[in-house]
Every structure is written in structure tokens, then in C-alpha cells.
Amino acid sequence: MYICRSAKPTEVNGKSFLDALEQGRHLQGLYHYEFNRIYDYLKKDKKEPQESDIRILGVVVTGTAKQLQSLNGQPYLRG
């Protein structure tokens, strides 16, 4: 999975997701509640969440019609 906030995409794996989630829990920003809610949901009755607790249900892909054309007809694409 990749997160692209700029022209340079960044690969995201379970560890980096959990690291970002942990950082978000310590920030007192707009989404502080959501970071804690997700963290608590993933950890359930454990001390902390593990990579195996993460399930990817989908992603959002953006781009121009020309850029997205290469995805046309792919079996994993819904939309």
C-alpha cells in the first residue's frame, strides 16, 4: 500500500501504520479522538495492537482520467 501526499509516494506497511497511529495519539490535534478510537479498536483486550490486527478493506485512488486508465479492467478494482 502507498500513501501519496505529494508527487513522491511512500510505502506503508503494518509497522509504519502503527507508528503513525501511536504518534497521532500523542498529538493534541483535531483527530486526537480518532487516533485513540482506532488504536483501542485494534488492540481489543491486549496491551497494544499488533500488525496482524490490521485489515485493509480498501483504498482511495486519485488521478486524472488518463492516469487511471491503466487500471481499467483490473479485477481488484471497484468503483
PDB file of N, CA and C in Angstrom:
ATOM      1  N   MET A   1       0.847  -1.161   0.000  1.00  0.00           N
ATOM      2  CA  MET A   1       0.000   0.000   0.000  1.00  0.00           C
ATOM      3  C   MET A   1       0.897   1.230   0.000  1.00  0.00           C
ATOM      4  N   TYR A   2       0.480   2.273  -0.689  1.00  0.00           N
ATOM      5  CA  TYR A   2       1.231   3.508  -0.758  1.00  0.00           C
ATOM      6  C   TYR A   2       0.354   4.674  -0.327  1.00  0.00           C
ATOM      7  N   ILE A   3       0.950   5.614   0.368  1.00  0.00           N
ATOM      8  CA  ILE A   3       0.285   6.867   0.691  1.00  0.00           C
ATOM      9  C   ILE A   3       1.014   7.937  -0.084  1.00  0.00           C
ATOM     10  N   CYS A   4       0.277   8.727  -0.814  1.00  0.00           N
ATOM     11  CA  CYS A   4       0.908   9.765  -1.618  1.00  0.00           C
ATOM     12  C   CYS A   4       0.346  11.116  -1.209  1.00  0.00           C
ATOM     13  N   ARG A   5       1.138  11.879  -0.488  1.00  0.00           N
ATOM     14  CA  ARG A   5       0.730  13.223  -0.109  1.00  0.00           C
ATOM     15  C   ARG A   5       1.378  14.241  -1.015  1.00  0.00           C
ATOM     16  N   SER A   6       2.287  13.792  -1.818  1.00  0.00           N
ATOM     17  CA  SER A   6       2.984  14.665  -2.747  1.00  0.00           C
ATOM     18  C   SER A   6       3.245  13.863  -4.004  1.00  0.00           C
ATOM     19  N   ALA A   7       4.137  14.332  -4.822  1.00  0.00           N
ATOM     20  CA  ALA A   7       4.462  13.622  -6.054  1.00  0.00           C
ATOM     21  C   ALA A   7       5.245  12.350  -5.762  1.00  0.00           C
ATOM     22  N   LYS A   8       5.814  12.231  -4.566  1.00  0.00           N
ATOM     23  CA  LYS A   8       6.617  11.058  -4.217  1.00  0.00           C
ATOM     24  C   LYS A   8       5.816  10.137  -3.300  1.00  0.00           C
ATOM     25  N   PRO A   9       5.377   8.962  -3.781  1.00  0.00           N
ATOM     26  CA  PRO A   9       4.612   8.045  -2.934  1.00  0.00           C
ATOM     27  C   PRO A   9       5.493   7.425  -1.852  1.00  0.00           C
ATOM     28  N   THR A  10       4.889   7.082  -0.725  1.00  0.00           N
ATOM     29  CA  THR A  10       5.585   6.479   0.391  1.00  0.00           C
ATOM     30  C   THR A  10       4.952   5.126   0.677  1.00  0.00           C
ATOM     31  N   GLU A  11       5.766   4.081   0.743  1.00  0.00           N
ATOM     32  CA  GLU A  11       5.231   2.758   1.045  1.00  0.00           C
ATOM     33  C   GLU A  11       4.838   2.698   2.515  1.00  0.00           C
ATOM     34  N   VAL A  12       3.677   2.117   2.766  1.00  0.00           N
ATOM     35  CA  VAL A  12       3.177   1.979   4.132  1.00  0.00           C
ATOM     36  C   VAL A  12       3.014   0.498   4.426  1.00  0.00           C
ATOM     37  N   ASN A  13       3.523   0.072   5.567  1.00  0.00           N
ATOM     38  CA  ASN A  13       3.333  -1.305   5.995  1.00  0.00           C
ATOM     39  C   ASN A  13       2.701  -1.287   7.385  1.00  0.00           C
ATOM     40  N   GLY A  14       2.473  -2.440   7.958  1.00  0.00           N
ATOM     41  CA  GLY A  14       1.817  -2.511   9.257  1.00  0.00           C
ATOM     42  C   GLY A  14       2.566  -1.767  10.346  1.00  0.00           C
ATOM     43  N   LYS A  15       3.887  -1.909  10.371  1.00  0.00           N
ATOM     44  CA  LYS A  15       4.678  -1.245  11.403  1.00  0.00           C
ATOM     45  C   LYS A  15       4.609   0.269  11.265  1.00  0.00           C
ATOM     46  N   SER A  16       4.745   0.780  10.051  1.00  0.00           N
ATOM     47  CA  SER A  16       4.705   2.236   9.872  1.00  0.00           C
ATOM     48  C   SER A  16       3.312   2.788  10.170  1.00  0.00           C
ATOM     49  N   PHE A  17       2.267   2.001   9.871  1.00  0.00           N
ATOM     50  CA  PHE A  17       0.910   2.422  10.208  1.00  0.00           C
ATOM     51  C   PHE A  17       0.740   2.525  11.719  1.00  0.00           C
ATOM     52  N   LEU A  18       1.203   1.497  12.437  1.00  0.00           N
ATOM     53  CA  LEU A  18       1.087   1.523  13.896  1.00  0.00           C
ATOM     54  C   LEU A  18       1.938   2.638  14.496  1.00  0.00           C
ATOM     55  N   ASP A  19       3.108   2.899  13.916  1.00  0.00           N
ATOM     56  CA  ASP A  19       3.944   4.009  14.386  1.00  0.00           C
ATOM     57  C   ASP A  19       3.228   5.345  14.205  1.00  0.00           C
ATOM     58  N   ALA A  20       2.605   5.537  13.034  1.00  0.00           N
ATOM     59  CA  ALA A  20       1.875   6.774  12.774  1.00  0.00           C
ATOM     60  C   ALA A  20       0.672   6.901  13.702  1.00  0.00           C
ATOM     61  N   LEU A  21       0.011   5.797  13.955  1.00  0.00           N
ATOM     62  CA  LEU A  21      -1.130   5.785  14.869  1.00  0.00           C
ATOM     63  C   LEU A  21      -0.690   6.180  16.278  1.00  0.00           C
ATOM     64  N   GLU A  22       0.437   5.644  16.704  1.00  0.00           N
ATOM     65  CA  GLU A  22       0.970   5.975  18.027  1.00  0.00           C
ATOM     66  C   GLU A  22       1.343   7.455  18.116  1.00  0.00           C
ATOM     67  N   GLN A  23       1.957   7.984  17.078  1.00  0.00           N
ATOM     68  CA  GLN A  23       2.300   9.411  17.057  1.00  0.00           C
ATOM     69  C   GLN A  23       1.038  10.262  17.133  1.00  0.00           C
ATOM     70  N   GLY A  24       0.019   9.876  16.383  1.00  0.00           N
ATOM     71  CA  GLY A  24      -1.233  10.619  16.376  1.00  0.00           C
ATOM     72  C   GLY A  24      -1.916  10.638  17.726  1.00  0.00           C
ATOM     73  N   ARG A  25      -1.753   9.571  18.494  1.00  0.00           N
ATOM     74  CA  ARG A  25      -2.356   9.507  19.831  1.00  0.00           C
ATOM     75  C   ARG A  25      -1.736  10.540  20.764  1.00  0.00           C
ATOM     76  N   HIS A  26      -0.496  10.905  20.513  1.00  0.00           N
ATOM     77  CA  HIS A  26       0.201  11.846  21.393  1.00  0.00           C
ATOM     78  C   HIS A  26       0.044  13.297  20.955  1.00  0.00           C
ATOM     79  N   LEU A  27      -0.503  13.519  19.781  1.00  0.00           N
ATOM     80  CA  LEU A  27      -0.765  14.879  19.316  1.00  0.00           C
ATOM     81  C   LEU A  27      -2.117  15.321  19.846  1.00  0.00           C
ATOM     82  N   GLN A  28      -2.218  16.546  20.240  1.00  0.00           N
ATOM     83  CA  GLN A  28      -3.494  17.058  20.755  1.00  0.00           C
ATOM     84  C   GLN A  28      -4.218  17.841  19.664  1.00  0.00           C
ATOM     85  N   GLY A  29      -4.244  17.292  18.472  1.00  0.00           N
ATOM     86  CA  GLY A  29      -4.839  17.977  17.345  1.00  0.00           C
ATOM     87  C   GLY A  29      -6.283  17.602  17.103  1.00  0.00           C
ATOM     88  N   LEU A  30      -6.742  17.964  15.932  1.00  0.00           N
ATOM     89  CA  LEU A  30      -8.125  17.785  15.519  1.00  0.00           C
ATOM     90  C   LEU A  30      -8.579  16.318  15.555  1.00  0.00           C
ATOM     91  N   TYR A  31      -7.697  15.390  15.235  1.00  0.00           N
ATOM     92  CA  TYR A  31      -8.088  13.980  15.115  1.00  0.00           C
ATOM     93  C   TYR A  31      -7.618  13.126  16.288  1.00  0.00           C
ATOM     94  N   HIS A  32      -7.264  13.738  17.386  1.00  0.00           N
ATOM     95  CA  HIS A  32      -6.780  13.010  18.563  1.00  0.00           C
ATOM     96  C   HIS A  32      -7.759  11.910  18.983  1.00  0.00           C
ATOM     97  N   TYR A  33      -9.030  12.226  19.033  1.00  0.00           N
ATOM     98  CA  TYR A  33     -10.047  11.241  19.426  1.00  0.00           C
ATOM     99  C   TYR A  33     -10.056  10.051  18.462  1.00  0.00           C
ATOM    100  N   GLU A  34      -9.962  10.314  17.167  1.00  0.00           N
ATOM    101  CA  GLU A  34      -9.999   9.236  16.167  1.00  0.00           C
ATOM    102  C   GLU A  34      -8.779   8.332  16.270  1.00  0.00           C
ATOM    103  N   PHE A  35      -7.599   8.913  16.489  1.00  0.00           N
ATOM    104  CA  PHE A  35      -6.403   8.094  16.662  1.00  0.00           C
ATOM    105  C   PHE A  35      -6.586   7.142  17.842  1.00  0.00           C
ATOM    106  N   ASN A  36      -7.101   7.632  18.943  1.00  0.00           N
ATOM    107  CA  ASN A  36      -7.332   6.788  20.120  1.00  0.00           C
ATOM    108  C   ASN A  36      -8.405   5.745  19.866  1.00  0.00           C
ATOM    109  N   ARG A  37      -9.453   6.124  19.160  1.00  0.00           N
ATOM    110  CA  ARG A  37     -10.533   5.175  18.865  1.00  0.00           C
ATOM    111  C   ARG A  37     -10.020   4.017  18.013  1.00  0.00           C
ATOM    112  N   ILE A  38      -9.244   4.322  16.990  1.00  0.00           N
ATOM    113  CA  ILE A  38      -8.693   3.280  16.116  1.00  0.00           C
ATOM    114  C   ILE A  38      -7.713   2.404  16.890  1.00  0.00           C
ATOM    115  N   TYR A  39      -6.853   3.027  17.681  1.00  0.00           N
ATOM    116  CA  TYR A  39      -5.881   2.295  18.491  1.00  0.00           C
ATOM    117  C   TYR A  39      -6.598   1.313  19.422  1.00  0.00           C
ATOM    118  N   ASP A  40      -7.600   1.793  20.138  1.00  0.00           N
ATOM    119  CA  ASP A  40      -8.346   0.934  21.062  1.00  0.00           C
ATOM    120  C   ASP A  40      -9.075  -0.181  20.336  1.00  0.00           C
ATOM    121  N   TYR A  41      -9.618   0.109  19.163  1.00  0.00           N
ATOM    122  CA  TYR A  41     -10.319  -0.913  18.382  1.00  0.00           C
ATOM    123  C   TYR A  41      -9.351  -2.025  17.969  1.00  0.00           C
ATOM    124  N   LEU A  42      -8.162  -1.639  17.516  1.00  0.00           N
ATOM    125  CA  LEU A  42      -7.193  -2.632  17.055  1.00  0.00           C
ATOM    126  C   LEU A  42      -6.615  -3.466  18.195  1.00  0.00           C
ATOM    127  N   LYS A  43      -6.391  -2.860  19.336  1.00  0.00           N
ATOM    128  CA  LYS A  43      -5.746  -3.601  20.427  1.00  0.00           C
ATOM    129  C   LYS A  43      -6.708  -4.537  21.159  1.00  0.00           C
ATOM    130  N   LYS A  44      -7.993  -4.246  21.118  1.00  0.00           N
ATOM    131  CA  LYS A  44      -9.017  -5.028  21.820  1.00  0.00           C
ATOM    132  C   LYS A  44      -8.622  -5.227  23.280  1.00  0.00           C
ATOM    133  N   ASP A  45      -8.361  -6.452  23.718  1.00  0.00           N
ATOM    134  CA  ASP A  45      -8.043  -6.691  25.128  1.00  0.00           C
ATOM    135  C   ASP A  45      -6.543  -6.883  25.370  1.00  0.00           C
ATOM    136  N   LYS A  46      -5.713  -6.546  24.370  1.00  0.00           N
ATOM    137  CA  LYS A  46      -4.265  -6.664  24.507  1.00  0.00           C
ATOM    138  C   LYS A  46      -3.670  -5.346  25.000  1.00  0.00           C
ATOM    139  N   LYS A  47      -2.390  -5.388  25.346  1.00  0.00           N
ATOM    140  CA  LYS A  47      -1.701  -4.185  25.810  1.00  0.00           C
ATOM    141  C   LYS A  47      -1.568  -3.159  24.691  1.00  0.00           C
ATOM    142  N   GLU A  48      -1.275  -3.643  23.468  1.00  0.00           N
ATOM    143  CA  GLU A  48      -1.150  -2.753  22.315  1.00  0.00           C
ATOM    144  C   GLU A  48      -1.461  -3.532  21.044  1.00  0.00           C
ATOM    145  N   PRO A  49      -1.854  -2.853  19.975  1.00  0.00           N
ATOM    146  CA  PRO A  49      -2.186  -3.557  18.730  1.00  0.00           C
ATOM    147  C   PRO A  49      -0.941  -4.139  18.060  1.00  0.00           C
ATOM    148  N   GLN A  50      -1.159  -5.192  17.304  1.00  0.00           N
ATOM    149  CA  GLN A  50      -0.092  -5.847  16.536  1.00  0.00           C
ATOM    150  C   GLN A  50      -0.376  -5.680  15.053  1.00  0.00           C
ATOM    151  N   GLU A  51       0.625  -5.892  14.231  1.00  0.00           N
ATOM    152  CA  GLU A  51       0.434  -5.788  12.780  1.00  0.00           C
ATOM    153  C   GLU A  51      -0.653  -6.739  12.294  1.00  0.00           C
ATOM    154  N   SER A  52      -0.759  -7.896  12.915  1.00  0.00           N
ATOM    155  CA  SER A  52      -1.760  -8.885  12.498  1.00  0.00           C
ATOM    156  C   SER A  52      -3.190  -8.426  12.781  1.00  0.00           C
ATOM    157  N   ASP A  53      -3.360  -7.363  13.562  1.00  0.00           N
ATOM    158  CA  ASP A  53      -4.689  -6.830  13.862  1.00  0.00           C
ATOM    159  C   ASP A  53      -5.212  -5.921  12.753  1.00  0.00           C
ATOM    160  N   ILE A  54      -4.352  -5.540  11.839  1.00  0.00           N
ATOM    161  CA  ILE A  54      -4.718  -4.582  10.786  1.00  0.00           C
ATOM    162  C   ILE A  54      -5.293  -5.320   9.587  1.00  0.00           C
ATOM    163  N   ARG A  55      -6.429  -4.851   9.113  1.00  0.00           N
ATOM    164  CA  ARG A  55      -7.039  -5.382   7.886  1.00  0.00           C
ATOM    165  C   ARG A  55      -7.270  -4.215   6.942  1.00  0.00           C
ATOM    166  N   ILE A  56      -6.825  -4.351   5.721  1.00  0.00           N
ATOM    167  CA  ILE A  56      -7.054  -3.313   4.720  1.00  0.00           C
ATOM    168  C   ILE A  56      -8.330  -3.668   3.979  1.00  0.00           C
ATOM    169  N   LEU A  57      -9.319  -2.789   4.085  1.00  0.00           N
ATOM    170  CA  LEU A  57     -10.606  -3.031   3.446  1.00  0.00           C
ATOM    171  C   LEU A  57     -10.694  -2.376   2.081  1.00  0.00           C
ATOM    172  N   GLY A  58      -9.855  -1.391   1.841  1.00  0.00           N
ATOM    173  CA  GLY A  58      -9.864  -0.713   0.560  1.00  0.00           C
ATOM    174  C   GLY A  58      -8.991   0.518   0.602  1.00  0.00           C
ATOM    175  N   VAL A  59      -8.813   1.104  -0.537  1.00  0.00           N
ATOM    176  CA  VAL A  59      -8.024   2.324  -0.654  1.00  0.00           C
ATOM    177  C   VAL A  59      -8.731   3.269  -1.612  1.00  0.00           C
ATOM    178  N   VAL A  60      -8.368   4.513  -1.560  1.00  0.00           N
ATOM    179  CA  VAL A  60      -8.883   5.508  -2.487  1.00  0.00           C
ATOM    180  C   VAL A  60      -7.757   5.860  -3.444  1.00  0.00           C
ATOM    181  N   VAL A  61      -8.048   5.775  -4.725  1.00  0.00           N
ATOM    182  CA  VAL A  61      -7.068   6.094  -5.753  1.00  0.00           C
ATOM    183  C   VAL A  61      -7.537   7.356  -6.458  1.00  0.00           C
ATOM    184  N   THR A  62      -6.643   8.312  -6.612  1.00  0.00           N
ATOM    185  CA  THR A  62      -6.995   9.546  -7.303  1.00  0.00           C
ATOM    186  C   THR A  62      -6.034   9.779  -8.452  1.00  0.00           C
ATOM    187  N   GLY A  63      -6.454  10.571  -9.379  1.00  0.00           N
ATOM    188  CA  GLY A  63      -5.633  10.923 -10.522  1.00  0.00           C
ATOM    189  C   GLY A  63      -6.509  11.402 -11.655  1.00  0.00           C
ATOM    190  N   THR A  64      -5.873  11.751 -12.733  1.00  0.00           N
ATOM    191  CA  THR A  64      -6.617  12.168 -13.913  1.00  0.00           C
ATOM    192  C   THR A  64      -7.184  10.938 -14.608  1.00  0.00           C
ATOM    193  N   ALA A  65      -8.128  11.158 -15.497  1.00  0.00           N
ATOM    194  CA  ALA A  65      -8.713  10.050 -16.247  1.00  0.00           C
ATOM    195  C   ALA A  65      -7.623   9.294 -17.012  1.00  0.00           C
ATOM    196  N   LYS A  66      -6.676  10.002 -17.551  1.00  0.00           N
ATOM    197  CA  LYS A  66      -5.591   9.377 -18.310  1.00  0.00           C
ATOM    198  C   LYS A  66      -4.716   8.519 -17.392  1.00  0.00           C
ATOM    199  N   GLN A  67      -4.416   9.029 -16.190  1.00  0.00           N
ATOM    200  CA  GLN A  67      -3.590   8.275 -15.244  1.00  0.00           C
ATOM    201  C   GLN A  67      -4.299   7.014 -14.756  1.00  0.00           C
ATOM    202  N   LEU A  68      -5.598   7.110 -14.551  1.00  0.00           N
ATOM    203  CA  LEU A  68      -6.355   5.979 -14.023  1.00  0.00           C
ATOM    204  C   LEU A  68      -6.725   4.965 -15.097  1.00  0.00           C
ATOM    205  N   GLN A  69      -6.564   5.315 -16.350  1.00  0.00           N
ATOM    206  CA  GLN A  69      -6.941   4.439 -17.456  1.00  0.00           C
ATOM    207  C   GLN A  69      -6.201   3.105 -17.406  1.00  0.00           C
ATOM    208  N   SER A  70      -4.975   3.101 -16.892  1.00  0.00           N
ATOM    209  CA  SER A  70      -4.210   1.853 -16.821  1.00  0.00           C
ATOM    210  C   SER A  70      -4.838   0.847 -15.862  1.00  0.00           C
ATOM    211  N   LEU A  71      -5.708   1.310 -14.967  1.00  0.00           N
ATOM    212  CA  LEU A  71      -6.376   0.415 -14.020  1.00  0.00           C
ATOM    213  C   LEU A  71      -7.660  -0.184 -14.586  1.00  0.00           C
ATOM    214  N   ASN A  72      -8.112   0.311 -15.709  1.00  0.00           N
ATOM    215  CA  ASN A  72      -9.366  -0.142 -16.312  1.00  0.00           C
ATOM    216  C   ASN A  72      -9.322  -1.650 -16.563  1.00  0.00           C
ATOM    217  N   GLY A  73     -10.365  -2.327 -16.091  1.00  0.00           N
ATOM    218  CA  GLY A  73     -10.495  -3.762 -16.315  1.00  0.00           C
ATOM    219  C   GLY A  73      -9.789  -4.638 -15.293  1.00  0.00           C
ATOM    220  N   GLN A  74      -9.124  -4.054 -14.307  1.00  0.00           N
ATOM    221  CA  GLN A  74      -8.435  -4.852 -13.292  1.00  0.00           C
ATOM    222  C   GLN A  74      -9.465  -5.492 -12.372  1.00  0.00           C
ATOM    223  N   PRO A  75      -9.303  -6.778 -12.052  1.00  0.00           N
ATOM    224  CA  PRO A  75     -10.311  -7.477 -11.244  1.00  0.00           C
ATOM    225  C   PRO A  75     -10.408  -6.980  -9.801  1.00  0.00           C
ATOM    226  N   TYR A  76      -9.383  -6.360  -9.287  1.00  0.00           N
ATOM    227  CA  TYR A  76      -9.406  -5.884  -7.901  1.00  0.00           C
ATOM    228  C   TYR A  76      -9.985  -4.501  -7.759  1.00  0.00           C
ATOM    229  N   LEU A  77     -10.371  -3.871  -8.854  1.00  0.00           N
ATOM    230  CA  LEU A  77     -10.878  -2.501  -8.837  1.00  0.00           C
ATOM    231  C   LEU A  77     -12.382  -2.472  -8.741  1.00  0.00           C
ATOM    232  N   ARG A  78     -12.875  -1.660  -7.813  1.00  0.00           N
ATOM    233  CA  ARG A  78     -14.316  -1.444  -7.652  1.00  0.00           C
ATOM    234  C   ARG A  78     -14.541   0.057  -7.661  1.00  0.00           C
ATOM    235  N   GLY A  79     -15.592   0.499  -8.244  1.00  0.00           N
ATOM    236  CA  GLY A  79     -15.836   1.931  -8.168  1.00  0.00           C
ATOM    237  C   GLY A  79     -16.797   2.418  -9.209  1.00  0.00           C
TER     238      GLY A  79
END
